[in-house]
Amino acid sequence: MILVTVGMQLGFDRLIRAIDEVAPDLPLPVVAQTGKGTYQARNIQTLESIAPSEFDGMIKQTHLLVAHAGIGTVLTAQRFGKPLVLFPRRASFGEHRNDHQLATVGQLDGRLGIIVAREESELRDAILRGLAMEMSGVADETAARRANLTSAIDQFIRTGIL
């Protein structure tokens, strides 16, 4: 499965429409969390919202996440060791109040497990590249970093020394 998420605060019809258009060419079914969007998809399963406990279960089953450039989704993909295609919202299309998501993808593009598609025409190829991406060990590495950070914070609290 390919899981698409746009967050809950705003719809993102441009992304959902673009995914719906390329879905027949993709090797896996697509499930999309659409938020408050209005576009009616024909080729993908859509859900306005997904409960957090269900969302984590779906991420475990998914082969690829596709999302707006929200940091929460980036961290979730990393935590579960899933490749991620980011498609930023753009202020010029009325999708957000500013272009901070373009700045976000500018910083994340090329990092392990992250592919950026800035235009609808780039989305299909970005998804196929993401599906082919090898992510073994990423979740373990993320867990190890989290454990190291937790240990360092614990040591600092107990001793005042890092």
N, C-alpha and C. Protein backbone atom coordinates (compact mmCIF):
# COMPACT_ATOMS: atom_id res chain seq x y z
N MET A 1 0.84 -1.18 0.00
CA MET A 1 0.00 0.00 0.00
C MET A 1 0.88 1.24 0.00
N ILE A 2 0.36 2.27 -0.64
CA ILE A 2 0.94 3.61 -0.59
C ILE A 2 -0.01 4.45 0.24
N LEU A 3 0.50 5.10 1.27
CA LEU A 3 -0.33 5.91 2.16
C LEU A 3 -0.02 7.39 1.92
N VAL A 4 -1.07 8.14 1.64
CA VAL A 4 -0.95 9.58 1.41
C VAL A 4 -1.59 10.29 2.59
N THR A 5 -0.92 11.31 3.11
CA THR A 5 -1.49 12.08 4.21
C THR A 5 -1.26 13.57 3.97
N VAL A 6 -2.29 14.36 4.25
CA VAL A 6 -2.20 15.80 4.05
C VAL A 6 -2.34 16.58 5.35
N GLY A 7 -2.46 15.86 6.47
CA GLY A 7 -2.68 16.53 7.75
C GLY A 7 -4.16 16.83 7.94
N MET A 8 -4.49 17.32 9.11
CA MET A 8 -5.90 17.53 9.44
C MET A 8 -6.33 18.99 9.38
N GLN A 9 -5.40 19.92 9.36
CA GLN A 9 -5.79 21.33 9.42
C GLN A 9 -6.33 21.85 8.10
N LEU A 10 -5.76 21.41 7.01
CA LEU A 10 -6.13 21.92 5.69
C LEU A 10 -6.28 20.77 4.71
N GLY A 11 -7.18 20.91 3.75
CA GLY A 11 -7.21 19.97 2.65
C GLY A 11 -6.03 20.25 1.73
N PHE A 12 -5.77 19.35 0.80
CA PHE A 12 -4.69 19.55 -0.16
C PHE A 12 -5.11 18.87 -1.46
N ASP A 13 -6.14 19.46 -2.08
CA ASP A 13 -6.74 18.87 -3.27
C ASP A 13 -5.76 18.70 -4.42
N ARG A 14 -4.79 19.59 -4.56
CA ARG A 14 -3.82 19.46 -5.66
C ARG A 14 -3.05 18.15 -5.54
N LEU A 15 -2.63 17.79 -4.33
CA LEU A 15 -1.91 16.52 -4.12
C LEU A 15 -2.85 15.33 -4.34
N ILE A 16 -4.04 15.37 -3.77
CA ILE A 16 -4.96 14.25 -3.90
C ILE A 16 -5.34 14.05 -5.37
N ARG A 17 -5.59 15.11 -6.09
CA ARG A 17 -5.92 15.01 -7.52
C ARG A 17 -4.75 14.40 -8.30
N ALA A 18 -3.54 14.87 -8.02
CA ALA A 18 -2.36 14.36 -8.73
C ALA A 18 -2.15 12.87 -8.44
N ILE A 19 -2.33 12.46 -7.20
CA ILE A 19 -2.20 11.04 -6.83
C ILE A 19 -3.29 10.22 -7.53
N ASP A 20 -4.50 10.73 -7.52
CA ASP A 20 -5.62 10.04 -8.15
C ASP A 20 -5.35 9.82 -9.64
N GLU A 21 -4.73 10.80 -10.28
CA GLU A 21 -4.45 10.68 -11.72
C GLU A 21 -3.37 9.66 -12.03
N VAL A 22 -2.36 9.52 -11.16
CA VAL A 22 -1.28 8.56 -11.44
C VAL A 22 -1.54 7.18 -10.84
N ALA A 23 -2.52 7.06 -9.96
CA ALA A 23 -2.78 5.80 -9.26
C ALA A 23 -2.94 4.60 -10.20
N PRO A 24 -3.62 4.72 -11.35
CA PRO A 24 -3.74 3.54 -12.22
C PRO A 24 -2.40 3.02 -12.75
N ASP A 25 -1.37 3.86 -12.74
CA ASP A 25 -0.04 3.46 -13.22
C ASP A 25 0.86 2.92 -12.10
N LEU A 26 0.37 2.90 -10.87
CA LEU A 26 1.19 2.49 -9.74
C LEU A 26 0.99 1.01 -9.43
N PRO A 27 2.04 0.35 -8.92
CA PRO A 27 1.96 -1.10 -8.68
C PRO A 27 1.22 -1.50 -7.40
N LEU A 28 0.88 -0.52 -6.55
CA LEU A 28 0.21 -0.81 -5.28
C LEU A 28 -1.03 0.07 -5.12
N PRO A 29 -2.00 -0.39 -4.34
CA PRO A 29 -3.16 0.46 -4.07
C PRO A 29 -2.77 1.67 -3.22
N VAL A 30 -3.56 2.73 -3.34
CA VAL A 30 -3.31 3.97 -2.62
C VAL A 30 -4.47 4.26 -1.68
N VAL A 31 -4.13 4.60 -0.43
CA VAL A 31 -5.09 5.06 0.56
C VAL A 31 -4.66 6.48 0.94
N ALA A 32 -5.61 7.42 0.92
CA ALA A 32 -5.27 8.80 1.20
C ALA A 32 -6.12 9.37 2.33
N GLN A 33 -5.46 10.00 3.27
CA GLN A 33 -6.11 10.78 4.31
C GLN A 33 -6.19 12.19 3.75
N THR A 34 -7.42 12.69 3.53
CA THR A 34 -7.62 13.92 2.75
C THR A 34 -7.88 15.16 3.58
N GLY A 35 -8.09 15.02 4.88
CA GLY A 35 -8.40 16.20 5.67
C GLY A 35 -9.68 16.86 5.18
N LYS A 36 -9.69 18.17 5.13
CA LYS A 36 -10.88 18.92 4.76
C LYS A 36 -10.96 19.21 3.26
N GLY A 37 -10.29 18.40 2.46
CA GLY A 37 -10.33 18.59 1.01
C GLY A 37 -11.70 18.33 0.42
N THR A 38 -11.90 18.80 -0.80
CA THR A 38 -13.20 18.63 -1.47
C THR A 38 -13.11 17.77 -2.73
N TYR A 39 -11.92 17.49 -3.22
CA TYR A 39 -11.77 16.71 -4.44
C TYR A 39 -12.30 15.29 -4.21
N GLN A 40 -13.08 14.78 -5.14
CA GLN A 40 -13.65 13.43 -5.07
C GLN A 40 -12.81 12.49 -5.94
N ALA A 41 -12.01 11.66 -5.31
CA ALA A 41 -11.10 10.75 -6.03
C ALA A 41 -11.88 9.60 -6.66
N ARG A 42 -11.36 9.09 -7.78
CA ARG A 42 -11.97 7.96 -8.48
C ARG A 42 -11.10 6.70 -8.42
N ASN A 43 -9.79 6.88 -8.25
CA ASN A 43 -8.87 5.75 -8.38
C ASN A 43 -8.18 5.35 -7.07
N ILE A 44 -8.47 6.05 -6.00
CA ILE A 44 -7.83 5.76 -4.71
C ILE A 44 -8.89 5.73 -3.62
N GLN A 45 -8.57 5.03 -2.54
CA GLN A 45 -9.44 5.04 -1.37
C GLN A 45 -9.13 6.29 -0.56
N THR A 46 -10.17 7.02 -0.14
CA THR A 46 -9.95 8.24 0.64
C THR A 46 -10.65 8.14 1.99
N LEU A 47 -10.01 8.74 2.99
CA LEU A 47 -10.55 8.86 4.33
C LEU A 47 -10.28 10.29 4.78
N GLU A 48 -11.29 10.97 5.31
CA GLU A 48 -11.06 12.34 5.76
C GLU A 48 -10.05 12.36 6.90
N SER A 49 -10.22 11.45 7.82
CA SER A 49 -9.30 11.39 8.96
C SER A 49 -9.01 9.94 9.32
N ILE A 50 -7.90 9.75 10.01
CA ILE A 50 -7.50 8.43 10.49
C ILE A 50 -7.09 8.60 11.95
N ALA A 51 -7.66 7.82 12.83
CA ALA A 51 -7.32 7.89 14.25
C ALA A 51 -5.83 7.59 14.43
N PRO A 52 -5.17 8.26 15.38
CA PRO A 52 -3.73 8.05 15.57
C PRO A 52 -3.33 6.58 15.72
N SER A 53 -4.10 5.80 16.47
CA SER A 53 -3.74 4.38 16.65
C SER A 53 -3.86 3.63 15.33
N GLU A 54 -4.86 3.94 14.52
CA GLU A 54 -5.01 3.31 13.21
C GLU A 54 -3.91 3.78 12.25
N PHE A 55 -3.56 5.06 12.35
CA PHE A 55 -2.54 5.63 11.47
C PHE A 55 -1.21 4.91 11.64
N ASP A 56 -0.80 4.68 12.88
CA ASP A 56 0.46 3.96 13.12
C ASP A 56 0.40 2.55 12.53
N GLY A 57 -0.74 1.88 12.68
CA GLY A 57 -0.89 0.55 12.10
C GLY A 57 -0.81 0.56 10.59
N MET A 58 -1.40 1.59 9.98
CA MET A 58 -1.34 1.71 8.52
C MET A 58 0.08 1.98 8.05
N ILE A 59 0.80 2.81 8.80
CA ILE A 59 2.19 3.11 8.41
C ILE A 59 3.04 1.84 8.47
N LYS A 60 2.81 1.01 9.46
CA LYS A 60 3.56 -0.25 9.55
C LYS A 60 3.35 -1.11 8.32
N GLN A 61 2.15 -1.05 7.73
CA GLN A 61 1.81 -1.87 6.57
C GLN A 61 2.21 -1.24 5.24
N THR A 62 2.44 0.05 5.24
CA THR A 62 2.67 0.74 3.97
C THR A 62 4.08 0.53 3.45
N HIS A 63 4.22 0.62 2.15
CA HIS A 63 5.54 0.56 1.52
C HIS A 63 6.11 1.96 1.33
N LEU A 64 5.23 2.97 1.25
CA LEU A 64 5.66 4.34 0.95
C LEU A 64 4.66 5.32 1.51
N LEU A 65 5.17 6.40 2.08
CA LEU A 65 4.33 7.53 2.50
C LEU A 65 4.49 8.64 1.48
N VAL A 66 3.40 9.31 1.17
CA VAL A 66 3.41 10.50 0.33
C VAL A 66 2.69 11.56 1.14
N ALA A 67 3.28 12.76 1.25
CA ALA A 67 2.70 13.74 2.16
C ALA A 67 3.07 15.17 1.78
N HIS A 68 2.31 16.09 2.37
CA HIS A 68 2.71 17.48 2.38
C HIS A 68 4.01 17.56 3.19
N ALA A 69 4.67 18.66 3.19
CA ALA A 69 5.97 18.75 3.85
C ALA A 69 5.83 19.13 5.33
N GLY A 70 5.03 18.35 6.05
CA GLY A 70 4.87 18.57 7.48
C GLY A 70 5.92 17.79 8.26
N ILE A 71 6.54 18.44 9.20
CA ILE A 71 7.63 17.83 9.96
C ILE A 71 7.16 16.60 10.74
N GLY A 72 5.92 16.62 11.24
CA GLY A 72 5.40 15.45 11.95
C GLY A 72 5.43 14.20 11.09
N THR A 73 5.06 14.34 9.83
CA THR A 73 5.07 13.20 8.92
C THR A 73 6.49 12.77 8.61
N VAL A 74 7.40 13.72 8.47
CA VAL A 74 8.80 13.39 8.22
C VAL A 74 9.35 12.56 9.39
N LEU A 75 9.06 12.98 10.60
CA LEU A 75 9.55 12.26 11.78
C LEU A 75 8.89 10.88 11.90
N THR A 76 7.61 10.79 11.56
CA THR A 76 6.92 9.50 11.60
C THR A 76 7.51 8.53 10.59
N ALA A 77 7.75 8.99 9.37
CA ALA A 77 8.35 8.13 8.35
C ALA A 77 9.71 7.63 8.82
N GLN A 78 10.49 8.51 9.41
CA GLN A 78 11.81 8.13 9.90
C GLN A 78 11.69 7.11 11.03
N ARG A 79 10.76 7.35 11.93
CA ARG A 79 10.58 6.44 13.08
C ARG A 79 10.22 5.03 12.63
N PHE A 80 9.40 4.93 11.59
CA PHE A 80 8.97 3.62 11.10
C PHE A 80 9.86 3.08 9.98
N GLY A 81 10.87 3.85 9.57
CA GLY A 81 11.78 3.39 8.52
C GLY A 81 11.11 3.27 7.16
N LYS A 82 10.22 4.21 6.85
CA LYS A 82 9.49 4.19 5.59
C LYS A 82 9.98 5.30 4.67
N PRO A 83 10.14 4.99 3.39
CA PRO A 83 10.50 6.05 2.44
C PRO A 83 9.35 7.05 2.34
N LEU A 84 9.70 8.28 2.01
CA LEU A 84 8.73 9.37 2.03
C LEU A 84 8.91 10.25 0.80
N VAL A 85 7.80 10.49 0.11
CA VAL A 85 7.76 11.47 -0.97
C VAL A 85 7.07 12.71 -0.41
N LEU A 86 7.77 13.83 -0.46
CA LEU A 86 7.20 15.09 0.01
C LEU A 86 6.75 15.93 -1.17
N PHE A 87 5.56 16.50 -1.05
CA PHE A 87 4.97 17.36 -2.07
C PHE A 87 4.49 18.62 -1.33
N PRO A 88 5.27 19.70 -1.38
CA PRO A 88 4.97 20.85 -0.53
C PRO A 88 3.75 21.65 -0.97
N ARG A 89 3.03 22.14 0.03
CA ARG A 89 1.96 23.11 -0.21
C ARG A 89 2.61 24.41 -0.67
N ARG A 90 1.87 25.17 -1.48
CA ARG A 90 2.42 26.43 -1.99
C ARG A 90 1.45 27.57 -1.74
N ALA A 91 1.98 28.64 -1.22
CA ALA A 91 1.16 29.83 -0.94
C ALA A 91 0.55 30.40 -2.21
N SER A 92 1.28 30.34 -3.32
CA SER A 92 0.78 30.91 -4.57
C SER A 92 -0.49 30.21 -5.07
N PHE A 93 -0.74 28.99 -4.60
CA PHE A 93 -1.96 28.26 -4.95
C PHE A 93 -3.01 28.36 -3.85
N GLY A 94 -2.74 29.16 -2.82
CA GLY A 94 -3.68 29.30 -1.71
C GLY A 94 -3.71 28.10 -0.79
N GLU A 95 -2.65 27.30 -0.80
CA GLU A 95 -2.61 26.07 0.00
C GLU A 95 -2.06 26.28 1.40
N HIS A 96 -1.44 27.42 1.60
CA HIS A 96 -0.90 27.77 2.92
C HIS A 96 -0.68 29.27 2.95
N ARG A 97 -0.39 29.79 4.14
CA ARG A 97 -0.23 31.25 4.27
C ARG A 97 1.14 31.74 3.82
N ASN A 98 2.12 30.83 3.75
CA ASN A 98 3.45 31.19 3.25
C ASN A 98 4.10 29.94 2.66
N ASP A 99 5.32 30.09 2.18
CA ASP A 99 6.00 28.97 1.51
C ASP A 99 7.01 28.25 2.40
N HIS A 100 6.70 28.12 3.67
CA HIS A 100 7.64 27.43 4.56
C HIS A 100 7.83 25.96 4.16
N GLN A 101 6.84 25.35 3.53
CA GLN A 101 7.02 23.95 3.12
C GLN A 101 8.02 23.83 1.96
N LEU A 102 8.09 24.84 1.11
CA LEU A 102 9.14 24.85 0.07
C LEU A 102 10.52 24.94 0.73
N ALA A 103 10.62 25.75 1.76
CA ALA A 103 11.90 25.86 2.49
C ALA A 103 12.23 24.53 3.17
N THR A 104 11.22 23.87 3.73
CA THR A 104 11.43 22.58 4.39
C THR A 104 11.98 21.56 3.41
N VAL A 105 11.34 21.42 2.24
CA VAL A 105 11.82 20.41 1.29
C VAL A 105 13.19 20.79 0.75
N GLY A 106 13.50 22.08 0.69
CA GLY A 106 14.83 22.49 0.26
C GLY A 106 15.91 21.98 1.20
N GLN A 107 15.58 21.89 2.48
CA GLN A 107 16.53 21.38 3.47
C GLN A 107 16.57 19.85 3.52
N LEU A 108 15.47 19.20 3.18
CA LEU A 108 15.38 17.74 3.32
C LEU A 108 15.67 16.98 2.04
N ASP A 109 15.59 17.63 0.90
CA ASP A 109 15.78 16.95 -0.39
C ASP A 109 17.14 16.25 -0.43
N GLY A 110 17.11 14.97 -0.79
CA GLY A 110 18.34 14.20 -0.91
C GLY A 110 18.75 13.45 0.35
N ARG A 111 18.08 13.70 1.46
CA ARG A 111 18.39 12.94 2.67
C ARG A 111 17.88 11.52 2.54
N LEU A 112 18.49 10.63 3.28
CA LEU A 112 18.12 9.21 3.23
C LEU A 112 16.62 9.03 3.45
N GLY A 113 15.99 8.36 2.50
CA GLY A 113 14.58 8.04 2.64
C GLY A 113 13.62 9.12 2.19
N ILE A 114 14.11 10.26 1.71
CA ILE A 114 13.24 11.37 1.33
C ILE A 114 13.43 11.73 -0.13
N ILE A 115 12.31 11.80 -0.84
CA ILE A 115 12.29 12.24 -2.23
C ILE A 115 11.33 13.41 -2.30
N VAL A 116 11.69 14.44 -3.03
CA VAL A 116 10.84 15.62 -3.16
C VAL A 116 10.29 15.70 -4.58
N ALA A 117 8.99 15.95 -4.66
CA ALA A 117 8.33 16.26 -5.92
C ALA A 117 7.72 17.65 -5.74
N ARG A 118 8.22 18.62 -6.47
CA ARG A 118 7.72 19.98 -6.34
C ARG A 118 6.54 20.28 -7.27
N GLU A 119 6.42 19.50 -8.32
CA GLU A 119 5.36 19.70 -9.32
C GLU A 119 4.60 18.40 -9.51
N GLU A 120 3.34 18.50 -9.93
CA GLU A 120 2.52 17.32 -10.17
C GLU A 120 3.18 16.38 -11.17
N SER A 121 3.84 16.95 -12.18
CA SER A 121 4.47 16.14 -13.23
C SER A 121 5.62 15.29 -12.69
N GLU A 122 6.14 15.60 -11.52
CA GLU A 122 7.25 14.85 -10.92
C GLU A 122 6.77 13.73 -9.98
N LEU A 123 5.49 13.74 -9.66
CA LEU A 123 4.99 12.88 -8.59
C LEU A 123 5.08 11.39 -8.93
N ARG A 124 4.65 10.98 -10.11
CA ARG A 124 4.66 9.56 -10.48
C ARG A 124 6.06 8.97 -10.37
N ASP A 125 7.06 9.64 -10.97
CA ASP A 125 8.43 9.13 -10.92
C ASP A 125 8.97 9.13 -9.50
N ALA A 126 8.62 10.15 -8.71
CA ALA A 126 9.07 10.20 -7.32
C ALA A 126 8.51 9.03 -6.53
N ILE A 127 7.25 8.69 -6.77
CA ILE A 127 6.62 7.55 -6.08
C ILE A 127 7.31 6.25 -6.49
N LEU A 128 7.55 6.07 -7.76
CA LEU A 128 8.22 4.84 -8.20
C LEU A 128 9.63 4.73 -7.63
N ARG A 129 10.34 5.85 -7.55
CA ARG A 129 11.68 5.84 -6.93
C ARG A 129 11.57 5.49 -5.45
N GLY A 130 10.58 6.05 -4.78
CA GLY A 130 10.38 5.76 -3.36
C GLY A 130 10.06 4.31 -3.10
N LEU A 131 9.23 3.72 -3.97
CA LEU A 131 8.90 2.30 -3.82
C LEU A 131 10.11 1.40 -4.01
N ALA A 132 11.07 1.85 -4.80
CA ALA A 132 12.27 1.06 -5.06
C ALA A 132 13.37 1.29 -4.01
N MET A 133 13.16 2.24 -3.12
CA MET A 133 14.18 2.63 -2.16
C MET A 133 14.36 1.57 -1.08
N GLU A 134 15.59 1.28 -0.74
CA GLU A 134 15.93 0.33 0.33
C GLU A 134 16.03 1.10 1.64
N MET A 135 15.23 0.70 2.61
CA MET A 135 15.18 1.43 3.88
C MET A 135 15.55 0.56 5.08
N SER A 136 16.07 -0.64 4.84
CA SER A 136 16.38 -1.51 5.98
C SER A 136 17.39 -0.82 6.89
N GLY A 137 17.12 -0.91 8.17
CA GLY A 137 18.03 -0.34 9.17
C GLY A 137 17.73 1.09 9.56
N VAL A 138 16.91 1.81 8.80
CA VAL A 138 16.65 3.22 9.12
C VAL A 138 15.90 3.34 10.44
N ALA A 139 14.88 2.52 10.66
CA ALA A 139 14.12 2.57 11.91
C ALA A 139 15.03 2.21 13.08
N ASP A 140 15.91 1.22 12.91
CA ASP A 140 16.83 0.84 13.98
C ASP A 140 17.80 1.97 14.29
N GLU A 141 18.29 2.63 13.24
CA GLU A 141 19.21 3.75 13.43
C GLU A 141 18.52 4.89 14.16
N THR A 142 17.28 5.17 13.79
CA THR A 142 16.51 6.23 14.44
C THR A 142 16.28 5.89 15.90
N ALA A 143 15.94 4.65 16.20
CA ALA A 143 15.73 4.21 17.59
C ALA A 143 17.02 4.33 18.39
N ALA A 144 18.15 4.00 17.78
CA ALA A 144 19.44 4.10 18.47
C ALA A 144 19.77 5.57 18.78
N ARG A 145 19.51 6.45 17.82
CA ARG A 145 19.75 7.88 18.06
C ARG A 145 18.86 8.41 19.18
N ARG A 146 17.60 7.98 19.18
CA ARG A 146 16.67 8.41 20.22
C ARG A 146 17.15 7.90 21.58
N ALA A 147 17.62 6.66 21.64
CA ALA A 147 18.12 6.09 22.90
C ALA A 147 19.35 6.85 23.38
N ASN A 148 20.24 7.20 22.45
CA ASN A 148 21.43 7.97 22.82
C ASN A 148 21.06 9.34 23.37
N LEU A 149 20.09 10.00 22.72
CA LEU A 149 19.64 11.31 23.17
C LEU A 149 19.00 11.20 24.55
N THR A 150 18.15 10.20 24.73
CA THR A 150 17.51 10.00 26.03
C THR A 150 18.54 9.75 27.12
N SER A 151 19.53 8.95 26.81
CA SER A 151 20.59 8.66 27.78
C SER A 151 21.38 9.93 28.13
N ALA A 152 21.68 10.74 27.12
CA ALA A 152 22.43 11.97 27.36
C ALA A 152 21.62 12.94 28.21
N ILE A 153 20.34 13.04 27.95
CA ILE A 153 19.48 13.94 28.75
C ILE A 153 19.40 13.43 30.18
N ASP A 154 19.23 12.12 30.35
CA ASP A 154 19.17 11.53 31.68
C ASP A 154 20.46 11.80 32.46
N GLN A 155 21.59 11.61 31.78
CA GLN A 155 22.89 11.86 32.44
C GLN A 155 23.01 13.32 32.83
N PHE A 156 22.60 14.22 31.97
CA PHE A 156 22.69 15.65 32.26
C PHE A 156 21.81 16.01 33.45
N ILE A 157 20.61 15.45 33.51
CA ILE A 157 19.71 15.74 34.62
C ILE A 157 20.31 15.24 35.93
N ARG A 158 20.88 14.04 35.88
CA ARG A 158 21.43 13.46 37.12
C ARG A 158 22.73 14.11 37.55
N THR A 159 23.58 14.47 36.58
CA THR A 159 24.94 14.92 36.94
C THR A 159 25.26 16.35 36.55
N GLY A 160 24.50 16.91 35.62
CA GLY A 160 24.83 18.23 35.13
C GLY A 160 25.94 18.21 34.10
N ILE A 161 26.39 17.04 33.71
CA ILE A 161 27.49 16.87 32.76
C ILE A 161 26.97 16.12 31.54
N LEU A 162 27.40 16.59 30.37
CA LEU A 162 27.04 15.87 29.14
C LEU A 162 28.14 14.96 28.72
